[in-house]
Amino acid sequence: MIDLHTHSIFSDGVLIPSELVRRAQVKGITIIGITDHGDLSNMDFIIPRMRAVAEELNSVLPIKVIAGIEITHVPPPLISNAVQKARQLGASIVVVHGETIAEPVAPGTNRAALDAGVDILAHPGLITEEEMVLARDKGIFLEISARKGHSLTNGHVAGLARKVGAKLLINTDSHEPGDLIDDSQAKRIVRGAGLTEDDFYRMQKNAALLCE
């Protein structure tokens, strides 16, 4: 299992990075992205520290840790600048907190994230077909979410992605230990979105490619 969307105490998670990584390793996760919530106020604090801890953990553990950021509730006109800043600071994966129906995310966030060329658009809610095509054409990965609330639109996202040929990932968006899942549960979530076990394996290949 590859999980590229998790949170530590550097935002609203409950675990320090080392414990998050250890618990993920026990679940059978082989690559974990720690993508704490960020905006223009705190990315310069989060990203360098996450890069440092990832380098240390990667030197001694078999699980691979990737330092990323989830740009969250940033007004759409500022998303491009935030993405550029995150990359300049060394984020290996840039995620944008998409227009989940579980939160009041500003309309236009999905489109701004796609235009900015993020790596992953997380829980994109009722994403439009036009936006889905743009994601496909730009090689941006769309998330099937294991997180309650955000997962309510998994079927919509999966159906549109299948229709237009966009690439999907499955991530947990973990904030606490009980959010982490193993392969078996991930496969059930994928099937619950109207996809197949073969789609799960394709998602894992997509995630591996993103980590190269």
N, C-alpha and C. Protein backbone atom coordinates (compact mmCIF):
# COMPACT_ATOMS: atom_id res chain seq x y z
N MET A 1 0.84 -1.19 0.00
CA MET A 1 0.00 0.00 0.00
C MET A 1 0.88 1.25 0.00
N ILE A 2 0.57 2.17 -0.90
CA ILE A 2 1.23 3.48 -0.94
C ILE A 2 0.18 4.51 -0.56
N ASP A 3 0.50 5.35 0.40
CA ASP A 3 -0.43 6.35 0.90
C ASP A 3 0.28 7.70 0.88
N LEU A 4 -0.18 8.60 0.01
CA LEU A 4 0.53 9.85 -0.21
C LEU A 4 -0.19 11.06 0.37
N HIS A 5 -1.09 10.83 1.33
CA HIS A 5 -1.83 11.95 1.92
C HIS A 5 -2.10 11.63 3.39
N THR A 6 -1.23 12.13 4.28
CA THR A 6 -1.40 11.95 5.72
C THR A 6 -0.99 13.23 6.44
N HIS A 7 -1.36 13.28 7.73
CA HIS A 7 -1.10 14.49 8.53
C HIS A 7 -0.49 14.14 9.87
N SER A 8 0.43 14.99 10.32
CA SER A 8 1.10 14.83 11.61
C SER A 8 0.74 16.01 12.50
N ILE A 9 1.42 16.11 13.64
CA ILE A 9 1.18 17.25 14.53
C ILE A 9 1.64 18.58 13.93
N PHE A 10 2.31 18.54 12.78
CA PHE A 10 2.68 19.79 12.14
C PHE A 10 1.47 20.50 11.54
N SER A 11 0.31 19.83 11.53
CA SER A 11 -0.95 20.53 11.25
C SER A 11 -1.99 20.01 12.23
N ASP A 12 -2.99 19.25 11.76
CA ASP A 12 -4.05 18.81 12.66
C ASP A 12 -4.06 17.31 12.91
N GLY A 13 -2.95 16.64 12.63
CA GLY A 13 -2.82 15.24 13.01
C GLY A 13 -2.45 15.13 14.48
N VAL A 14 -2.50 13.90 15.01
CA VAL A 14 -2.23 13.71 16.44
C VAL A 14 -0.88 13.05 16.71
N LEU A 15 -0.18 12.61 15.67
CA LEU A 15 1.08 11.89 15.86
C LEU A 15 2.27 12.70 15.36
N ILE A 16 3.39 12.57 16.06
CA ILE A 16 4.63 13.10 15.52
C ILE A 16 5.00 12.27 14.29
N PRO A 17 5.79 12.81 13.36
CA PRO A 17 6.09 12.07 12.13
C PRO A 17 6.65 10.68 12.35
N SER A 18 7.55 10.51 13.30
CA SER A 18 8.17 9.20 13.51
C SER A 18 7.14 8.15 13.91
N GLU A 19 6.18 8.52 14.76
CA GLU A 19 5.16 7.55 15.16
C GLU A 19 4.19 7.28 14.01
N LEU A 20 3.84 8.31 13.28
CA LEU A 20 2.98 8.12 12.12
C LEU A 20 3.61 7.12 11.15
N VAL A 21 4.89 7.30 10.90
CA VAL A 21 5.60 6.40 9.97
C VAL A 21 5.66 4.99 10.52
N ARG A 22 5.93 4.83 11.80
CA ARG A 22 6.00 3.50 12.40
C ARG A 22 4.65 2.79 12.30
N ARG A 23 3.58 3.49 12.62
CA ARG A 23 2.26 2.88 12.56
C ARG A 23 1.88 2.54 11.12
N ALA A 24 2.29 3.38 10.18
CA ALA A 24 2.04 3.08 8.77
C ALA A 24 2.80 1.84 8.33
N GLN A 25 4.03 1.72 8.78
CA GLN A 25 4.85 0.55 8.44
C GLN A 25 4.20 -0.73 8.93
N VAL A 26 3.65 -0.71 10.14
CA VAL A 26 3.00 -1.89 10.71
C VAL A 26 1.75 -2.26 9.89
N LYS A 27 1.10 -1.27 9.31
CA LYS A 27 -0.08 -1.52 8.46
C LYS A 27 0.30 -2.09 7.10
N GLY A 28 1.58 -2.13 6.80
CA GLY A 28 2.02 -2.64 5.51
C GLY A 28 2.20 -1.58 4.46
N ILE A 29 2.16 -0.33 4.86
CA ILE A 29 2.40 0.77 3.92
C ILE A 29 3.89 0.82 3.61
N THR A 30 4.21 0.91 2.33
CA THR A 30 5.61 0.90 1.90
C THR A 30 6.15 2.29 1.56
N ILE A 31 5.25 3.19 1.18
CA ILE A 31 5.63 4.58 0.92
C ILE A 31 4.56 5.46 1.54
N ILE A 32 4.98 6.45 2.33
CA ILE A 32 4.02 7.35 2.96
C ILE A 32 4.40 8.80 2.66
N GLY A 33 3.43 9.56 2.22
CA GLY A 33 3.61 10.99 2.05
C GLY A 33 3.02 11.71 3.26
N ILE A 34 3.82 12.52 3.91
CA ILE A 34 3.31 13.34 5.02
C ILE A 34 3.05 14.72 4.45
N THR A 35 1.79 15.08 4.38
CA THR A 35 1.35 16.26 3.64
C THR A 35 0.50 17.14 4.55
N ASP A 36 1.14 17.76 5.50
CA ASP A 36 0.40 18.58 6.45
C ASP A 36 -0.24 19.78 5.79
N HIS A 37 -1.31 20.27 6.41
CA HIS A 37 -2.04 21.42 5.87
C HIS A 37 -1.15 22.65 5.91
N GLY A 38 -1.12 23.37 4.78
CA GLY A 38 -0.30 24.56 4.73
C GLY A 38 -0.92 25.65 3.89
N ASP A 39 -0.49 26.88 4.17
CA ASP A 39 -0.79 28.02 3.30
C ASP A 39 0.44 28.91 3.29
N LEU A 40 0.29 30.14 2.85
CA LEU A 40 1.46 31.00 2.72
C LEU A 40 2.03 31.42 4.07
N SER A 41 1.33 31.12 5.16
CA SER A 41 1.79 31.52 6.49
C SER A 41 2.74 30.52 7.14
N ASN A 42 2.66 29.24 6.75
CA ASN A 42 3.38 28.24 7.53
C ASN A 42 4.20 27.24 6.71
N MET A 43 4.13 27.32 5.39
CA MET A 43 4.86 26.33 4.59
C MET A 43 6.36 26.39 4.83
N ASP A 44 6.88 27.60 5.08
CA ASP A 44 8.32 27.72 5.30
C ASP A 44 8.73 27.12 6.64
N PHE A 45 7.79 26.88 7.54
CA PHE A 45 8.06 26.18 8.78
C PHE A 45 7.95 24.67 8.60
N ILE A 46 6.88 24.22 7.92
CA ILE A 46 6.59 22.79 7.82
C ILE A 46 7.55 22.06 6.89
N ILE A 47 7.70 22.56 5.68
CA ILE A 47 8.38 21.78 4.64
C ILE A 47 9.84 21.48 4.97
N PRO A 48 10.66 22.46 5.39
CA PRO A 48 12.05 22.12 5.70
C PRO A 48 12.18 21.08 6.82
N ARG A 49 11.32 21.17 7.82
CA ARG A 49 11.38 20.21 8.92
C ARG A 49 10.96 18.83 8.48
N MET A 50 9.94 18.77 7.63
CA MET A 50 9.50 17.47 7.15
C MET A 50 10.55 16.85 6.22
N ARG A 51 11.21 17.67 5.45
CA ARG A 51 12.30 17.15 4.60
C ARG A 51 13.42 16.58 5.47
N ALA A 52 13.73 17.26 6.56
CA ALA A 52 14.81 16.80 7.44
C ALA A 52 14.46 15.48 8.10
N VAL A 53 13.22 15.36 8.61
CA VAL A 53 12.84 14.10 9.28
C VAL A 53 12.71 12.97 8.26
N ALA A 54 12.24 13.27 7.06
CA ALA A 54 12.15 12.24 6.02
C ALA A 54 13.53 11.71 5.68
N GLU A 55 14.50 12.59 5.56
CA GLU A 55 15.86 12.15 5.24
C GLU A 55 16.42 11.25 6.33
N GLU A 56 16.18 11.61 7.58
CA GLU A 56 16.69 10.79 8.69
C GLU A 56 16.00 9.43 8.73
N LEU A 57 14.68 9.42 8.61
CA LEU A 57 13.96 8.14 8.67
C LEU A 57 14.29 7.25 7.49
N ASN A 58 14.43 7.85 6.32
CA ASN A 58 14.75 7.06 5.13
C ASN A 58 16.13 6.42 5.20
N SER A 59 16.98 6.95 6.04
CA SER A 59 18.33 6.39 6.16
C SER A 59 18.36 5.10 6.97
N VAL A 60 17.27 4.83 7.72
CA VAL A 60 17.30 3.66 8.61
C VAL A 60 16.08 2.76 8.49
N LEU A 61 15.04 3.17 7.78
CA LEU A 61 13.81 2.39 7.71
C LEU A 61 13.54 1.86 6.31
N PRO A 62 12.86 0.72 6.19
CA PRO A 62 12.50 0.20 4.87
C PRO A 62 11.34 0.95 4.24
N ILE A 63 10.47 1.56 5.04
CA ILE A 63 9.38 2.37 4.50
C ILE A 63 9.96 3.69 4.00
N LYS A 64 9.47 4.14 2.86
CA LYS A 64 9.95 5.40 2.29
C LYS A 64 9.04 6.54 2.71
N VAL A 65 9.63 7.62 3.21
CA VAL A 65 8.88 8.79 3.67
C VAL A 65 9.09 9.93 2.68
N ILE A 66 7.99 10.53 2.26
CA ILE A 66 8.05 11.64 1.30
C ILE A 66 7.51 12.89 1.97
N ALA A 67 8.27 13.96 1.89
CA ALA A 67 7.88 15.23 2.49
C ALA A 67 7.05 16.03 1.50
N GLY A 68 5.81 16.29 1.87
CA GLY A 68 4.93 17.05 1.00
C GLY A 68 4.19 18.12 1.76
N ILE A 69 3.14 18.64 1.15
CA ILE A 69 2.31 19.67 1.74
C ILE A 69 0.92 19.56 1.12
N GLU A 70 -0.11 19.83 1.92
CA GLU A 70 -1.46 19.95 1.38
C GLU A 70 -1.90 21.40 1.51
N ILE A 71 -1.92 22.10 0.41
CA ILE A 71 -2.35 23.50 0.40
C ILE A 71 -3.86 23.51 0.63
N THR A 72 -4.27 24.19 1.71
CA THR A 72 -5.61 23.98 2.26
C THR A 72 -6.36 25.29 2.44
N HIS A 73 -7.55 25.38 1.85
CA HIS A 73 -8.44 26.54 1.99
C HIS A 73 -7.76 27.85 1.59
N VAL A 74 -6.80 27.77 0.70
CA VAL A 74 -6.19 28.97 0.15
C VAL A 74 -7.13 29.53 -0.91
N PRO A 75 -7.40 30.82 -0.93
CA PRO A 75 -8.27 31.38 -1.97
C PRO A 75 -7.75 31.04 -3.36
N PRO A 76 -8.65 30.67 -4.27
CA PRO A 76 -8.20 30.22 -5.60
C PRO A 76 -7.20 31.15 -6.30
N PRO A 77 -7.35 32.49 -6.22
CA PRO A 77 -6.36 33.34 -6.91
C PRO A 77 -4.94 33.23 -6.35
N LEU A 78 -4.80 32.69 -5.12
CA LEU A 78 -3.48 32.58 -4.49
C LEU A 78 -2.88 31.18 -4.59
N ILE A 79 -3.62 30.23 -5.14
CA ILE A 79 -3.15 28.85 -5.16
C ILE A 79 -1.89 28.69 -6.01
N SER A 80 -1.83 29.33 -7.15
CA SER A 80 -0.64 29.20 -8.00
C SER A 80 0.61 29.65 -7.26
N ASN A 81 0.54 30.80 -6.56
CA ASN A 81 1.68 31.28 -5.80
C ASN A 81 2.06 30.31 -4.69
N ALA A 82 1.05 29.73 -4.04
CA ALA A 82 1.32 28.78 -2.96
C ALA A 82 2.00 27.53 -3.49
N VAL A 83 1.56 27.05 -4.64
CA VAL A 83 2.18 25.86 -5.25
C VAL A 83 3.64 26.15 -5.60
N GLN A 84 3.89 27.31 -6.19
CA GLN A 84 5.27 27.67 -6.54
C GLN A 84 6.15 27.76 -5.30
N LYS A 85 5.62 28.36 -4.23
CA LYS A 85 6.40 28.50 -3.00
C LYS A 85 6.71 27.13 -2.40
N ALA A 86 5.71 26.24 -2.42
CA ALA A 86 5.92 24.90 -1.88
C ALA A 86 7.02 24.16 -2.62
N ARG A 87 7.03 24.28 -3.92
CA ARG A 87 8.08 23.62 -4.71
C ARG A 87 9.44 24.26 -4.44
N GLN A 88 9.49 25.56 -4.31
CA GLN A 88 10.75 26.24 -4.02
C GLN A 88 11.31 25.80 -2.66
N LEU A 89 10.41 25.53 -1.71
CA LEU A 89 10.83 25.11 -0.38
C LEU A 89 11.23 23.63 -0.33
N GLY A 90 10.98 22.91 -1.43
CA GLY A 90 11.44 21.53 -1.52
C GLY A 90 10.40 20.47 -1.28
N ALA A 91 9.12 20.81 -1.33
CA ALA A 91 8.09 19.79 -1.18
C ALA A 91 8.18 18.80 -2.34
N SER A 92 8.26 17.52 -2.01
CA SER A 92 8.35 16.50 -3.05
C SER A 92 7.00 16.18 -3.67
N ILE A 93 5.93 16.37 -2.90
CA ILE A 93 4.57 16.18 -3.40
C ILE A 93 3.75 17.40 -2.98
N VAL A 94 3.08 18.02 -3.95
CA VAL A 94 2.21 19.15 -3.64
C VAL A 94 0.77 18.72 -3.90
N VAL A 95 0.00 18.73 -2.82
CA VAL A 95 -1.41 18.36 -2.84
C VAL A 95 -2.23 19.62 -2.62
N VAL A 96 -3.37 19.73 -3.27
CA VAL A 96 -4.32 20.78 -2.92
C VAL A 96 -5.59 20.15 -2.38
N HIS A 97 -6.09 20.74 -1.31
CA HIS A 97 -7.31 20.32 -0.63
C HIS A 97 -8.50 20.71 -1.53
N GLY A 98 -9.03 19.71 -2.22
CA GLY A 98 -10.06 19.98 -3.22
C GLY A 98 -11.42 20.28 -2.63
N GLU A 99 -12.39 20.43 -3.53
CA GLU A 99 -13.71 20.93 -3.18
C GLU A 99 -14.62 19.83 -2.60
N THR A 100 -14.16 19.19 -1.54
CA THR A 100 -14.96 18.21 -0.83
C THR A 100 -16.31 18.81 -0.43
N ILE A 101 -17.35 18.00 -0.48
CA ILE A 101 -18.67 18.48 -0.05
C ILE A 101 -18.79 18.49 1.47
N ALA A 102 -17.78 17.99 2.17
CA ALA A 102 -17.82 17.94 3.63
C ALA A 102 -17.34 19.23 4.28
N GLU A 103 -16.80 20.16 3.50
CA GLU A 103 -16.26 21.41 4.03
C GLU A 103 -16.58 22.55 3.08
N PRO A 104 -16.57 23.79 3.57
CA PRO A 104 -16.88 24.95 2.71
C PRO A 104 -15.67 25.43 1.90
N VAL A 105 -15.14 24.55 1.08
CA VAL A 105 -14.00 24.93 0.23
C VAL A 105 -14.48 25.91 -0.83
N ALA A 106 -13.69 26.93 -1.10
CA ALA A 106 -14.10 27.97 -2.04
C ALA A 106 -14.29 27.40 -3.44
N PRO A 107 -15.41 27.74 -4.09
CA PRO A 107 -15.59 27.34 -5.49
C PRO A 107 -14.44 27.86 -6.34
N GLY A 108 -14.00 27.06 -7.29
CA GLY A 108 -12.87 27.44 -8.13
C GLY A 108 -11.55 26.87 -7.65
N THR A 109 -11.55 26.24 -6.45
CA THR A 109 -10.31 25.66 -5.92
C THR A 109 -9.80 24.54 -6.81
N ASN A 110 -10.70 23.65 -7.24
CA ASN A 110 -10.27 22.55 -8.09
C ASN A 110 -9.59 23.07 -9.36
N ARG A 111 -10.24 24.02 -10.02
CA ARG A 111 -9.70 24.52 -11.28
C ARG A 111 -8.36 25.23 -11.06
N ALA A 112 -8.27 26.03 -10.00
CA ALA A 112 -7.02 26.74 -9.73
C ALA A 112 -5.89 25.76 -9.46
N ALA A 113 -6.18 24.67 -8.74
CA ALA A 113 -5.15 23.66 -8.44
C ALA A 113 -4.68 22.99 -9.72
N LEU A 114 -5.62 22.66 -10.59
CA LEU A 114 -5.26 22.01 -11.85
C LEU A 114 -4.45 22.96 -12.73
N ASP A 115 -4.87 24.20 -12.81
CA ASP A 115 -4.13 25.18 -13.61
C ASP A 115 -2.71 25.37 -13.07
N ALA A 116 -2.55 25.25 -11.74
CA ALA A 116 -1.24 25.44 -11.12
C ALA A 116 -0.33 24.22 -11.28
N GLY A 117 -0.89 23.09 -11.73
CA GLY A 117 -0.07 21.92 -11.96
C GLY A 117 0.34 21.19 -10.71
N VAL A 118 -0.59 21.03 -9.77
CA VAL A 118 -0.28 20.27 -8.56
C VAL A 118 -0.02 18.80 -8.91
N ASP A 119 0.47 18.05 -7.94
CA ASP A 119 0.67 16.62 -8.14
C ASP A 119 -0.62 15.84 -7.90
N ILE A 120 -1.33 16.19 -6.83
CA ILE A 120 -2.55 15.48 -6.44
C ILE A 120 -3.62 16.49 -6.09
N LEU A 121 -4.82 16.30 -6.65
CA LEU A 121 -5.98 17.05 -6.20
C LEU A 121 -6.76 16.14 -5.27
N ALA A 122 -6.72 16.46 -3.98
CA ALA A 122 -7.33 15.59 -2.97
C ALA A 122 -8.84 15.79 -2.95
N HIS A 123 -9.54 14.68 -2.64
CA HIS A 123 -11.01 14.68 -2.47
C HIS A 123 -11.68 15.83 -3.24
N PRO A 124 -11.74 15.72 -4.57
CA PRO A 124 -12.19 16.85 -5.40
C PRO A 124 -13.70 17.02 -5.45
N GLY A 125 -14.45 16.28 -4.63
CA GLY A 125 -15.89 16.51 -4.55
C GLY A 125 -16.61 16.28 -5.86
N LEU A 126 -17.49 17.19 -6.20
CA LEU A 126 -18.28 17.07 -7.42
C LEU A 126 -17.54 17.74 -8.58
N ILE A 127 -16.34 17.28 -8.80
CA ILE A 127 -15.50 17.80 -9.88
C ILE A 127 -16.25 17.69 -11.21
N THR A 128 -16.05 18.67 -12.07
CA THR A 128 -16.74 18.66 -13.36
C THR A 128 -15.98 17.81 -14.37
N GLU A 129 -16.68 17.42 -15.42
CA GLU A 129 -16.02 16.65 -16.47
C GLU A 129 -14.92 17.47 -17.14
N GLU A 130 -15.16 18.76 -17.33
CA GLU A 130 -14.13 19.62 -17.93
C GLU A 130 -12.87 19.63 -17.07
N GLU A 131 -13.04 19.72 -15.76
CA GLU A 131 -11.88 19.69 -14.87
C GLU A 131 -11.21 18.33 -14.88
N MET A 132 -12.00 17.29 -14.99
CA MET A 132 -11.44 15.94 -15.05
C MET A 132 -10.59 15.75 -16.30
N VAL A 133 -11.05 16.29 -17.42
CA VAL A 133 -10.28 16.21 -18.67
C VAL A 133 -8.98 17.00 -18.52
N LEU A 134 -9.04 18.16 -17.88
CA LEU A 134 -7.83 18.95 -17.66
C LEU A 134 -6.83 18.19 -16.80
N ALA A 135 -7.32 17.53 -15.76
CA ALA A 135 -6.44 16.72 -14.92
C ALA A 135 -5.78 15.63 -15.75
N ARG A 136 -6.56 14.97 -16.58
CA ARG A 136 -6.01 13.92 -17.45
C ARG A 136 -4.92 14.48 -18.35
N ASP A 137 -5.20 15.60 -18.99
CA ASP A 137 -4.28 16.16 -19.96
C ASP A 137 -2.99 16.66 -19.30
N LYS A 138 -3.06 17.09 -18.05
CA LYS A 138 -1.90 17.60 -17.34
C LYS A 138 -1.21 16.53 -16.49
N GLY A 139 -1.76 15.32 -16.48
CA GLY A 139 -1.14 14.25 -15.72
C GLY A 139 -1.25 14.42 -14.22
N ILE A 140 -2.31 15.09 -13.77
CA ILE A 140 -2.53 15.31 -12.35
C ILE A 140 -3.38 14.17 -11.79
N PHE A 141 -2.99 13.67 -10.63
CA PHE A 141 -3.68 12.54 -10.02
C PHE A 141 -4.84 13.03 -9.16
N LEU A 142 -5.95 12.31 -9.25
CA LEU A 142 -7.14 12.63 -8.48
C LEU A 142 -7.33 11.56 -7.40
N GLU A 143 -7.86 11.99 -6.27
CA GLU A 143 -7.88 11.12 -5.10
C GLU A 143 -9.22 10.45 -4.87
N ILE A 144 -9.15 9.13 -4.65
CA ILE A 144 -10.22 8.39 -4.00
C ILE A 144 -9.86 8.37 -2.52
N SER A 145 -10.75 8.89 -1.69
CA SER A 145 -10.41 9.12 -0.29
C SER A 145 -11.00 8.05 0.62
N ALA A 146 -10.19 7.62 1.58
CA ALA A 146 -10.66 6.70 2.61
C ALA A 146 -11.26 7.44 3.80
N ARG A 147 -11.20 8.76 3.79
CA ARG A 147 -11.63 9.54 4.95
C ARG A 147 -13.13 9.82 4.91
N LYS A 148 -13.76 9.63 6.06
CA LYS A 148 -15.19 9.88 6.15
C LYS A 148 -15.50 11.31 5.75
N GLY A 149 -16.64 11.53 5.16
CA GLY A 149 -16.99 12.85 4.66
C GLY A 149 -16.44 13.07 3.28
N HIS A 150 -15.14 13.08 3.17
CA HIS A 150 -14.50 13.27 1.86
C HIS A 150 -14.83 12.11 0.91
N SER A 151 -15.07 10.94 1.48
CA SER A 151 -15.32 9.76 0.64
C SER A 151 -16.72 9.74 0.03
N LEU A 152 -17.58 10.65 0.42
CA LEU A 152 -18.96 10.63 -0.05
C LEU A 152 -19.08 10.78 -1.56
N THR A 153 -18.11 11.42 -2.18
CA THR A 153 -18.17 11.62 -3.64
C THR A 153 -17.19 10.72 -4.39
N ASN A 154 -16.67 9.68 -3.73
CA ASN A 154 -15.75 8.77 -4.41
C ASN A 154 -16.37 8.19 -5.68
N GLY A 155 -17.65 7.82 -5.63
CA GLY A 155 -18.29 7.22 -6.79
C GLY A 155 -18.34 8.18 -7.97
N HIS A 156 -18.63 9.43 -7.69
CA HIS A 156 -18.66 10.45 -8.74
C HIS A 156 -17.28 10.62 -9.36
N VAL A 157 -16.26 10.74 -8.52
CA VAL A 157 -14.89 10.93 -9.00
C VAL A 157 -14.44 9.72 -9.82
N ALA A 158 -14.72 8.53 -9.31
CA ALA A 158 -14.30 7.32 -10.01
C ALA A 158 -15.00 7.18 -11.35
N GLY A 159 -16.30 7.47 -11.38
CA GLY A 159 -17.03 7.34 -12.63
C GLY A 159 -16.56 8.29 -13.70
N LEU A 160 -16.33 9.54 -13.34
CA LEU A 160 -15.84 10.50 -14.33
C LEU A 160 -14.43 10.17 -14.78
N ALA A 161 -13.59 9.74 -13.84
CA ALA A 161 -12.21 9.39 -14.19
C ALA A 161 -12.20 8.23 -15.18
N ARG A 162 -13.03 7.24 -14.93
CA ARG A 162 -13.12 6.11 -15.85
C ARG A 162 -13.61 6.59 -17.23
N LYS A 163 -14.58 7.48 -17.25
CA LYS A 163 -15.15 7.96 -18.52
C LYS A 163 -14.11 8.67 -19.38
N VAL A 164 -13.28 9.53 -18.76
CA VAL A 164 -12.35 10.35 -19.55
C VAL A 164 -10.93 9.82 -19.55
N GLY A 165 -10.63 8.83 -18.70
CA GLY A 165 -9.29 8.26 -18.66
C GLY A 165 -8.32 9.01 -17.78
N ALA A 166 -8.83 9.68 -16.74
CA ALA A 166 -7.95 10.38 -15.79
C ALA A 166 -7.36 9.39 -14.80
N LYS A 167 -6.24 9.75 -14.18
CA LYS A 167 -5.53 8.86 -13.27
C LYS A 167 -5.95 9.10 -11.83
N LEU A 168 -6.13 8.00 -11.11
CA LEU A 168 -6.58 8.03 -9.73
C LEU A 168 -5.55 7.47 -8.77
N LEU A 169 -5.64 7.92 -7.52
CA LEU A 169 -4.89 7.36 -6.40
C LEU A 169 -5.88 7.07 -5.28
N ILE A 170 -5.55 6.16 -4.39
CA ILE A 170 -6.29 6.03 -3.14
C ILE A 170 -5.37 6.44 -2.00
N ASN A 171 -5.87 7.36 -1.16
CA ASN A 171 -5.12 7.84 0.00
C ASN A 171 -6.03 7.83 1.22
N THR A 172 -5.43 7.83 2.39
CA THR A 172 -6.24 7.78 3.61
C THR A 172 -6.59 9.15 4.16
N ASP A 173 -5.76 10.17 3.90
CA ASP A 173 -5.95 11.47 4.56
C ASP A 173 -5.95 11.26 6.07
N SER A 174 -5.04 10.43 6.53
CA SER A 174 -5.00 10.07 7.96
C SER A 174 -4.64 11.26 8.84
N HIS A 175 -5.38 11.37 9.95
CA HIS A 175 -5.09 12.35 10.98
C HIS A 175 -4.77 11.70 12.33
N GLU A 176 -5.14 10.43 12.49
CA GLU A 176 -4.91 9.71 13.74
C GLU A 176 -4.70 8.23 13.42
N PRO A 177 -4.22 7.46 14.39
CA PRO A 177 -3.85 6.06 14.09
C PRO A 177 -4.95 5.25 13.44
N GLY A 178 -6.18 5.42 13.87
CA GLY A 178 -7.27 4.61 13.34
C GLY A 178 -7.62 4.90 11.90
N ASP A 179 -7.06 5.96 11.34
CA ASP A 179 -7.34 6.30 9.94
C ASP A 179 -6.48 5.50 8.97
N LEU A 180 -5.37 4.97 9.42
CA LEU A 180 -4.49 4.21 8.54
C LEU A 180 -5.15 2.89 8.16
N ILE A 181 -4.95 2.46 6.93
CA ILE A 181 -5.58 1.22 6.46
C ILE A 181 -4.54 0.34 5.77
N ASP A 182 -4.90 -0.93 5.62
CA ASP A 182 -4.04 -1.86 4.90
C ASP A 182 -4.58 -2.10 3.49
N ASP A 183 -3.90 -2.94 2.73
CA ASP A 183 -4.31 -3.22 1.35
C ASP A 183 -5.74 -3.72 1.27
N SER A 184 -6.11 -4.60 2.20
CA SER A 184 -7.42 -5.22 2.15
C SER A 184 -8.53 -4.17 2.26
N GLN A 185 -8.39 -3.27 3.21
CA GLN A 185 -9.40 -2.22 3.36
C GLN A 185 -9.39 -1.26 2.18
N ALA A 186 -8.20 -0.94 1.66
CA ALA A 186 -8.10 -0.06 0.50
C ALA A 186 -8.83 -0.65 -0.70
N LYS A 187 -8.68 -1.94 -0.89
CA LYS A 187 -9.37 -2.60 -2.01
C LYS A 187 -10.88 -2.51 -1.85
N ARG A 188 -11.36 -2.65 -0.61
CA ARG A 188 -12.81 -2.54 -0.39
C ARG A 188 -13.31 -1.14 -0.69
N ILE A 189 -12.54 -0.14 -0.32
CA ILE A 189 -12.94 1.24 -0.59
C ILE A 189 -12.97 1.51 -2.09
N VAL A 190 -11.99 1.00 -2.81
CA VAL A 190 -11.96 1.15 -4.26
C VAL A 190 -13.18 0.48 -4.89
N ARG A 191 -13.48 -0.72 -4.44
CA ARG A 191 -14.65 -1.42 -4.97
C ARG A 191 -15.94 -0.68 -4.61
N GLY A 192 -15.97 -0.08 -3.43
CA GLY A 192 -17.13 0.70 -3.02
C GLY A 192 -17.37 1.93 -3.87
N ALA A 193 -16.31 2.40 -4.53
CA ALA A 193 -16.43 3.54 -5.44
C ALA A 193 -16.87 3.12 -6.83
N GLY A 194 -17.14 1.82 -7.01
CA GLY A 194 -17.58 1.33 -8.31
C GLY A 194 -16.45 0.88 -9.21
N LEU A 195 -15.27 0.71 -8.63
CA LEU A 195 -14.11 0.29 -9.40
C LEU A 195 -13.78 -1.17 -9.06
N THR A 196 -12.65 -1.65 -9.51
CA THR A 196 -12.29 -3.06 -9.34
C THR A 196 -10.96 -3.18 -8.62
N GLU A 197 -10.64 -4.41 -8.24
CA GLU A 197 -9.35 -4.66 -7.62
C GLU A 197 -8.21 -4.34 -8.59
N ASP A 198 -8.42 -4.59 -9.88
CA ASP A 198 -7.41 -4.21 -10.87
C ASP A 198 -7.19 -2.70 -10.86
N ASP A 199 -8.25 -1.93 -10.64
CA ASP A 199 -8.10 -0.47 -10.54
C ASP A 199 -7.24 -0.10 -9.34
N PHE A 200 -7.40 -0.83 -8.24
CA PHE A 200 -6.55 -0.58 -7.07
C PHE A 200 -5.08 -0.75 -7.43
N TYR A 201 -4.76 -1.82 -8.14
CA TYR A 201 -3.36 -2.04 -8.50
C TYR A 201 -2.86 -0.96 -9.47
N ARG A 202 -3.74 -0.49 -10.34
CA ARG A 202 -3.34 0.62 -11.22
C ARG A 202 -3.07 1.88 -10.40
N MET A 203 -3.87 2.11 -9.39
CA MET A 203 -3.64 3.26 -8.52
C MET A 203 -2.29 3.16 -7.82
N GLN A 204 -1.95 1.96 -7.39
CA GLN A 204 -0.67 1.77 -6.73
C GLN A 204 0.50 2.02 -7.69
N LYS A 205 0.34 1.60 -8.93
CA LYS A 205 1.38 1.89 -9.94
C LYS A 205 1.47 3.39 -10.19
N ASN A 206 0.31 4.07 -10.24
CA ASN A 206 0.32 5.52 -10.40
C ASN A 206 1.09 6.19 -9.26
N ALA A 207 0.81 5.75 -8.03
CA ALA A 207 1.47 6.33 -6.87
C ALA A 207 2.97 6.10 -6.90
N ALA A 208 3.38 4.90 -7.32
CA ALA A 208 4.81 4.58 -7.41
C ALA A 208 5.49 5.48 -8.43
N LEU A 209 4.82 5.74 -9.54
CA LEU A 209 5.39 6.60 -10.57
C LEU A 209 5.57 8.03 -10.03
N LEU A 210 4.60 8.49 -9.27
CA LEU A 210 4.68 9.83 -8.71
C LEU A 210 5.83 9.97 -7.73
N CYS A 211 6.22 8.87 -7.10
CA CYS A 211 7.27 8.90 -6.10
C CYS A 211 8.68 8.76 -6.68
N GLU A 212 8.77 8.48 -7.97
CA GLU A 212 10.10 8.28 -8.56
C GLU A 212 10.90 9.57 -8.63
